[in-house]
Amino acid sequence: MTDERSSKLLHDLRSKCASLKSAAELYKDCSPAEKKEMLALMKQAAAEITGTLGKLENGA
């Protein structure tokens, strides 16, 4: 993996983690309907984080 590619993946990872953290902090103040939507977004972010970690691990 090139340093440029690695740097981009790390940047993406930091951004996705920050988004997930923000969503988790907002979750407690959401209505039940909003919580359901927020959980779906958080699950999607977690899946993207897992995918990015896999790319880093495999040197993609």
Protein backbone atom coordinates (compact mmCIF):
# COMPACT_ATOMS: atom_id res chain seq x y z
CA MET A 1 0.00 0.00 0.00
CA THR A 2 1.29 3.44 -0.84
CA ASP A 3 1.72 6.03 1.87
CA GLU A 4 -0.84 8.20 0.09
CA ARG A 5 -3.41 5.39 0.07
CA SER A 6 -2.69 4.58 3.72
CA SER A 7 -3.04 8.25 4.67
CA LYS A 8 -6.40 8.46 2.88
CA LEU A 9 -7.68 5.34 4.64
CA LEU A 10 -6.56 6.68 8.03
CA HIS A 11 -8.25 10.01 7.30
CA ASP A 12 -11.46 8.17 6.36
CA LEU A 13 -11.20 6.08 9.51
CA ARG A 14 -10.80 9.14 11.76
CA SER A 15 -13.76 10.83 10.09
CA LYS A 16 -16.03 7.78 10.39
CA CYS A 17 -15.06 7.26 14.03
CA ALA A 18 -15.77 10.90 14.82
CA SER A 19 -19.18 10.64 13.16
CA LEU A 20 -20.02 7.50 15.12
CA LYS A 21 -18.92 9.12 18.37
CA SER A 22 -21.07 12.19 17.68
CA ALA A 23 -24.08 10.03 16.88
CA ALA A 24 -23.60 8.06 20.10
CA GLU A 25 -23.51 11.29 22.10
CA LEU A 26 -26.72 12.55 20.47
CA TYR A 27 -28.56 9.23 20.80
CA LYS A 28 -29.78 9.73 24.38
CA ASP A 29 -31.64 12.91 23.45
CA CYS A 30 -33.48 11.41 20.47
CA SER A 31 -37.14 10.47 20.32
CA PRO A 32 -37.89 6.74 19.90
CA ALA A 33 -38.34 7.17 16.15
CA GLU A 34 -35.12 9.15 15.89
CA LYS A 35 -33.29 6.51 17.96
CA LYS A 36 -34.30 3.84 15.45
CA GLU A 37 -32.99 5.95 12.57
CA MET A 38 -29.85 6.88 14.52
CA LEU A 39 -29.12 3.22 15.26
CA ALA A 40 -29.38 2.38 11.57
CA LEU A 41 -26.92 5.18 10.74
CA MET A 42 -24.58 4.06 13.54
CA LYS A 43 -24.65 0.46 12.29
CA GLN A 44 -23.81 1.66 8.79
CA ALA A 45 -20.91 3.75 10.11
CA ALA A 46 -19.63 0.79 12.14
CA ALA A 47 -19.74 -1.42 9.04
CA GLU A 48 -17.79 1.20 7.08
CA ILE A 49 -15.23 1.42 9.90
CA THR A 50 -14.84 -2.36 9.84
CA GLY A 51 -14.37 -2.27 6.08
CA THR A 52 -11.74 0.45 6.31
CA LEU A 53 -9.88 -1.47 9.03
CA GLY A 54 -9.90 -4.53 6.80
CA LYS A 55 -8.40 -2.55 3.95
CA LEU A 56 -5.67 -1.25 6.22
CA GLU A 57 -5.00 -4.72 7.55
CA ASN A 58 -4.79 -6.23 4.07
CA GLY A 59 -2.72 -3.40 2.66
CA ALA A 60 -5.32 -2.56 0.02
